[in-house]
Amino acid sequence: YIAEIIDMISLSKISKSQAKAILSESIEKNISPIEIIGSDNSLENYDLSSLDAIISDILASNKDAVSKYKNGKTNVFGFLVAQAMGKTKANPKLIADLLKSKLN
């Protein structure tokens, strides 16, 4: 189970805090972490195309923050990540990486 958990963390499919809960449930129920994630749709949003659409919507809705970021005020980046996290339960690191790629 631990190897599966480590793989999912390294692929940004789950966060470290989610890994603890998933590992605990795996041991308790004696089932694979992959089965747990497959049965719990609320864990994360893995669909990159839907994440891309969410991020595009966030950027379009927050043009002022995007402008500030592009003009060097990088502290607004956290705000944009938080906006995206409010619409999905995806891994924050994945959200941040996707936002950076769209902003740069």
N, C-alpha and C. Protein backbone atom coordinates (compact mmCIF):
# COMPACT_ATOMS: atom_id res chain seq x y z
N TYR A 1 0.82 -1.21 0.00
CA TYR A 1 0.00 0.00 0.00
C TYR A 1 0.85 1.26 0.00
N ILE A 2 1.95 1.22 0.73
CA ILE A 2 2.79 2.41 0.86
C ILE A 2 3.39 2.81 -0.49
N ALA A 3 3.80 1.83 -1.28
CA ALA A 3 4.37 2.14 -2.59
C ALA A 3 3.34 2.83 -3.49
N GLU A 4 2.09 2.36 -3.43
CA GLU A 4 1.04 2.98 -4.23
C GLU A 4 0.81 4.42 -3.78
N ILE A 5 0.80 4.63 -2.47
CA ILE A 5 0.62 5.98 -1.92
C ILE A 5 1.75 6.90 -2.38
N ILE A 6 2.98 6.42 -2.30
CA ILE A 6 4.14 7.23 -2.70
C ILE A 6 4.05 7.58 -4.19
N ASP A 7 3.67 6.61 -4.99
CA ASP A 7 3.51 6.88 -6.43
C ASP A 7 2.46 7.96 -6.69
N MET A 8 1.34 7.88 -5.99
CA MET A 8 0.27 8.86 -6.20
C MET A 8 0.70 10.25 -5.73
N ILE A 9 1.47 10.33 -4.65
CA ILE A 9 1.97 11.64 -4.19
C ILE A 9 2.94 12.20 -5.22
N SER A 10 3.87 11.37 -5.70
CA SER A 10 4.87 11.85 -6.65
C SER A 10 4.25 12.28 -7.98
N LEU A 11 3.11 11.70 -8.33
CA LEU A 11 2.42 12.08 -9.56
C LEU A 11 1.42 13.21 -9.33
N SER A 12 1.40 13.75 -8.12
CA SER A 12 0.49 14.84 -7.73
C SER A 12 -0.98 14.44 -7.86
N LYS A 13 -1.27 13.17 -7.69
CA LYS A 13 -2.66 12.72 -7.73
C LYS A 13 -3.34 12.92 -6.38
N ILE A 14 -2.55 12.88 -5.31
CA ILE A 14 -3.08 13.14 -3.97
C ILE A 14 -2.08 14.01 -3.21
N SER A 15 -2.57 14.69 -2.21
CA SER A 15 -1.70 15.49 -1.36
C SER A 15 -1.20 14.62 -0.21
N LYS A 16 -0.23 15.11 0.53
CA LYS A 16 0.31 14.36 1.66
C LYS A 16 -0.74 14.15 2.74
N SER A 17 -1.57 15.14 2.97
CA SER A 17 -2.61 14.99 3.99
C SER A 17 -3.65 13.95 3.55
N GLN A 18 -3.96 13.92 2.27
CA GLN A 18 -4.89 12.91 1.77
C GLN A 18 -4.27 11.52 1.86
N ALA A 19 -2.95 11.45 1.64
CA ALA A 19 -2.25 10.17 1.69
C ALA A 19 -2.42 9.50 3.06
N LYS A 20 -2.34 10.29 4.12
CA LYS A 20 -2.50 9.73 5.47
C LYS A 20 -3.87 9.09 5.64
N ALA A 21 -4.90 9.80 5.20
CA ALA A 21 -6.26 9.28 5.34
C ALA A 21 -6.47 8.05 4.47
N ILE A 22 -5.93 8.08 3.26
CA ILE A 22 -6.09 6.95 2.34
C ILE A 22 -5.36 5.73 2.87
N LEU A 23 -4.13 5.93 3.38
CA LEU A 23 -3.37 4.80 3.92
C LEU A 23 -4.09 4.19 5.11
N SER A 24 -4.60 5.04 5.98
CA SER A 24 -5.34 4.55 7.14
C SER A 24 -6.55 3.72 6.72
N GLU A 25 -7.29 4.23 5.75
CA GLU A 25 -8.47 3.51 5.28
C GLU A 25 -8.08 2.21 4.58
N SER A 26 -6.96 2.22 3.84
CA SER A 26 -6.49 1.02 3.16
C SER A 26 -6.19 -0.09 4.16
N ILE A 27 -5.51 0.28 5.22
CA ILE A 27 -5.15 -0.71 6.23
C ILE A 27 -6.40 -1.19 6.97
N GLU A 28 -7.26 -0.26 7.32
CA GLU A 28 -8.48 -0.60 8.06
C GLU A 28 -9.39 -1.54 7.27
N LYS A 29 -9.56 -1.25 5.98
CA LYS A 29 -10.49 -2.03 5.16
C LYS A 29 -9.80 -3.12 4.35
N ASN A 30 -8.46 -3.15 4.41
CA ASN A 30 -7.65 -4.11 3.67
C ASN A 30 -7.94 -4.07 2.16
N ILE A 31 -7.96 -2.85 1.63
CA ILE A 31 -8.12 -2.66 0.20
C ILE A 31 -7.06 -1.69 -0.31
N SER A 32 -6.81 -1.75 -1.58
CA SER A 32 -5.79 -0.93 -2.23
C SER A 32 -6.14 0.56 -2.19
N PRO A 33 -5.13 1.41 -2.02
CA PRO A 33 -5.38 2.86 -2.09
C PRO A 33 -6.00 3.28 -3.42
N ILE A 34 -5.64 2.60 -4.48
CA ILE A 34 -6.20 2.92 -5.80
C ILE A 34 -7.70 2.65 -5.81
N GLU A 35 -8.12 1.58 -5.16
CA GLU A 35 -9.56 1.28 -5.07
C GLU A 35 -10.28 2.35 -4.26
N ILE A 36 -9.65 2.83 -3.21
CA ILE A 36 -10.27 3.87 -2.38
C ILE A 36 -10.46 5.14 -3.18
N ILE A 37 -9.45 5.55 -3.89
CA ILE A 37 -9.54 6.77 -4.69
C ILE A 37 -10.59 6.61 -5.78
N GLY A 38 -10.63 5.44 -6.39
CA GLY A 38 -11.62 5.19 -7.44
C GLY A 38 -13.04 5.23 -6.92
N SER A 39 -13.23 4.90 -5.65
CA SER A 39 -14.58 4.87 -5.09
C SER A 39 -14.98 6.20 -4.44
N ASP A 40 -14.03 7.12 -4.30
CA ASP A 40 -14.31 8.39 -3.63
C ASP A 40 -14.11 9.55 -4.60
N ASN A 41 -15.17 9.90 -5.30
CA ASN A 41 -15.09 10.97 -6.30
C ASN A 41 -14.78 12.33 -5.71
N SER A 42 -14.92 12.48 -4.40
CA SER A 42 -14.69 13.79 -3.79
C SER A 42 -13.22 14.06 -3.52
N LEU A 43 -12.34 13.07 -3.70
CA LEU A 43 -10.94 13.28 -3.35
C LEU A 43 -10.29 14.36 -4.20
N GLU A 44 -10.26 14.16 -5.48
CA GLU A 44 -9.59 15.13 -6.33
C GLU A 44 -10.17 15.10 -7.73
N ASN A 45 -9.90 16.15 -8.42
CA ASN A 45 -10.31 16.26 -9.80
C ASN A 45 -9.08 15.95 -10.66
N TYR A 46 -9.02 14.78 -11.28
CA TYR A 46 -7.85 14.38 -12.05
C TYR A 46 -7.93 14.79 -13.51
N ASP A 47 -9.09 15.19 -13.96
CA ASP A 47 -9.30 15.51 -15.36
C ASP A 47 -8.62 16.84 -15.70
N LEU A 48 -7.49 16.74 -16.38
CA LEU A 48 -6.71 17.95 -16.68
C LEU A 48 -7.46 18.92 -17.58
N SER A 49 -8.30 18.41 -18.48
CA SER A 49 -9.03 19.33 -19.35
C SER A 49 -10.05 20.14 -18.55
N SER A 50 -10.67 19.52 -17.53
CA SER A 50 -11.60 20.29 -16.72
C SER A 50 -10.84 21.25 -15.80
N LEU A 51 -9.68 20.84 -15.32
CA LEU A 51 -8.85 21.76 -14.52
C LEU A 51 -8.40 22.94 -15.37
N ASP A 52 -8.04 22.66 -16.60
CA ASP A 52 -7.63 23.71 -17.52
C ASP A 52 -8.77 24.71 -17.73
N ALA A 53 -9.98 24.20 -17.87
CA ALA A 53 -11.14 25.08 -18.06
C ALA A 53 -11.40 25.91 -16.80
N ILE A 54 -11.26 25.30 -15.63
CA ILE A 54 -11.45 26.03 -14.37
C ILE A 54 -10.42 27.15 -14.25
N ILE A 55 -9.17 26.84 -14.56
CA ILE A 55 -8.11 27.84 -14.46
C ILE A 55 -8.32 28.96 -15.48
N SER A 56 -8.72 28.61 -16.68
CA SER A 56 -9.00 29.64 -17.69
C SER A 56 -10.11 30.57 -17.21
N ASP A 57 -11.13 29.98 -16.59
CA ASP A 57 -12.25 30.77 -16.06
C ASP A 57 -11.78 31.69 -14.93
N ILE A 58 -10.93 31.18 -14.05
CA ILE A 58 -10.39 31.97 -12.93
C ILE A 58 -9.59 33.15 -13.48
N LEU A 59 -8.75 32.89 -14.48
CA LEU A 59 -7.92 33.95 -15.05
C LEU A 59 -8.79 35.00 -15.76
N ALA A 60 -9.82 34.55 -16.46
CA ALA A 60 -10.71 35.49 -17.15
C ALA A 60 -11.53 36.33 -16.17
N SER A 61 -11.88 35.73 -15.05
CA SER A 61 -12.70 36.42 -14.04
C SER A 61 -11.89 37.34 -13.14
N ASN A 62 -10.58 37.19 -13.15
CA ASN A 62 -9.72 37.97 -12.25
C ASN A 62 -8.62 38.68 -13.04
N LYS A 63 -9.03 39.44 -14.04
CA LYS A 63 -8.06 40.11 -14.92
C LYS A 63 -7.17 41.09 -14.17
N ASP A 64 -7.71 41.72 -13.14
CA ASP A 64 -6.91 42.66 -12.35
C ASP A 64 -5.77 41.93 -11.64
N ALA A 65 -6.07 40.79 -11.05
CA ALA A 65 -5.05 40.00 -10.35
C ALA A 65 -4.01 39.48 -11.35
N VAL A 66 -4.46 39.06 -12.52
CA VAL A 66 -3.54 38.58 -13.56
C VAL A 66 -2.61 39.70 -13.99
N SER A 67 -3.17 40.89 -14.17
CA SER A 67 -2.36 42.04 -14.57
C SER A 67 -1.32 42.37 -13.50
N LYS A 68 -1.75 42.34 -12.25
CA LYS A 68 -0.80 42.61 -11.15
C LYS A 68 0.32 41.57 -11.14
N TYR A 69 -0.04 40.30 -11.32
CA TYR A 69 0.96 39.23 -11.33
C TYR A 69 1.97 39.46 -12.46
N LYS A 70 1.47 39.77 -13.63
CA LYS A 70 2.35 39.97 -14.78
C LYS A 70 3.21 41.22 -14.65
N ASN A 71 2.77 42.15 -13.79
CA ASN A 71 3.56 43.36 -13.54
C ASN A 71 4.47 43.21 -12.32
N GLY A 72 4.65 41.97 -11.85
CA GLY A 72 5.62 41.72 -10.80
C GLY A 72 5.07 41.53 -9.40
N LYS A 73 3.79 41.73 -9.19
CA LYS A 73 3.20 41.54 -7.86
C LYS A 73 2.79 40.08 -7.70
N THR A 74 3.80 39.25 -7.44
CA THR A 74 3.58 37.81 -7.40
C THR A 74 2.78 37.35 -6.18
N ASN A 75 2.55 38.24 -5.23
CA ASN A 75 1.78 37.84 -4.04
C ASN A 75 0.31 37.54 -4.39
N VAL A 76 -0.17 37.96 -5.54
CA VAL A 76 -1.55 37.66 -5.93
C VAL A 76 -1.69 36.22 -6.43
N PHE A 77 -0.57 35.54 -6.62
CA PHE A 77 -0.61 34.16 -7.10
C PHE A 77 -1.38 33.27 -6.13
N GLY A 78 -1.16 33.45 -4.84
CA GLY A 78 -1.88 32.69 -3.82
C GLY A 78 -3.39 32.90 -3.91
N PHE A 79 -3.78 34.12 -4.21
CA PHE A 79 -5.20 34.42 -4.39
C PHE A 79 -5.78 33.62 -5.55
N LEU A 80 -5.04 33.56 -6.66
CA LEU A 80 -5.52 32.82 -7.83
C LEU A 80 -5.61 31.32 -7.54
N VAL A 81 -4.63 30.79 -6.82
CA VAL A 81 -4.67 29.38 -6.43
C VAL A 81 -5.89 29.13 -5.56
N ALA A 82 -6.14 30.01 -4.61
CA ALA A 82 -7.29 29.85 -3.70
C ALA A 82 -8.61 29.89 -4.48
N GLN A 83 -8.69 30.76 -5.49
CA GLN A 83 -9.89 30.82 -6.31
C GLN A 83 -10.14 29.48 -7.02
N ALA A 84 -9.07 28.90 -7.55
CA ALA A 84 -9.20 27.61 -8.23
C ALA A 84 -9.54 26.50 -7.24
N MET A 85 -8.93 26.53 -6.07
CA MET A 85 -9.20 25.51 -5.06
C MET A 85 -10.66 25.56 -4.60
N GLY A 86 -11.27 26.71 -4.68
CA GLY A 86 -12.68 26.83 -4.31
C GLY A 86 -13.60 26.13 -5.29
N LYS A 87 -13.09 25.83 -6.48
CA LYS A 87 -13.92 25.20 -7.51
C LYS A 87 -13.58 23.73 -7.73
N THR A 88 -12.50 23.24 -7.13
CA THR A 88 -12.08 21.86 -7.32
C THR A 88 -11.34 21.38 -6.08
N LYS A 89 -11.23 20.08 -5.95
CA LYS A 89 -10.47 19.51 -4.83
C LYS A 89 -9.16 18.92 -5.34
N ALA A 90 -8.67 19.44 -6.43
CA ALA A 90 -7.42 18.97 -7.00
C ALA A 90 -6.26 19.34 -6.09
N ASN A 91 -5.17 18.67 -6.28
CA ASN A 91 -3.96 18.92 -5.51
C ASN A 91 -3.51 20.37 -5.73
N PRO A 92 -3.28 21.11 -4.65
CA PRO A 92 -2.86 22.52 -4.78
C PRO A 92 -1.59 22.70 -5.60
N LYS A 93 -0.65 21.77 -5.50
CA LYS A 93 0.58 21.87 -6.27
C LYS A 93 0.28 21.76 -7.77
N LEU A 94 -0.61 20.86 -8.12
CA LEU A 94 -1.02 20.71 -9.51
C LEU A 94 -1.69 21.99 -10.02
N ILE A 95 -2.57 22.55 -9.20
CA ILE A 95 -3.24 23.81 -9.55
C ILE A 95 -2.19 24.91 -9.76
N ALA A 96 -1.25 25.02 -8.84
CA ALA A 96 -0.21 26.06 -8.94
C ALA A 96 0.62 25.88 -10.21
N ASP A 97 0.99 24.64 -10.51
CA ASP A 97 1.78 24.38 -11.71
C ASP A 97 1.02 24.76 -12.98
N LEU A 98 -0.25 24.40 -13.03
CA LEU A 98 -1.07 24.74 -14.20
C LEU A 98 -1.26 26.25 -14.33
N LEU A 99 -1.48 26.92 -13.19
CA LEU A 99 -1.62 28.38 -13.23
C LEU A 99 -0.35 29.04 -13.72
N LYS A 100 0.79 28.60 -13.21
CA LYS A 100 2.07 29.19 -13.63
C LYS A 100 2.29 29.01 -15.13
N SER A 101 1.94 27.82 -15.63
CA SER A 101 2.15 27.60 -17.07
C SER A 101 1.25 28.51 -17.91
N LYS A 102 0.05 28.79 -17.44
CA LYS A 102 -0.85 29.69 -18.18
C LYS A 102 -0.43 31.15 -18.04
N LEU A 103 0.11 31.52 -16.89
CA LEU A 103 0.49 32.91 -16.65
C LEU A 103 1.80 33.29 -17.32
N ASN A 104 2.67 32.33 -17.52
CA ASN A 104 4.00 32.63 -18.07
C ASN A 104 4.13 32.34 -19.52
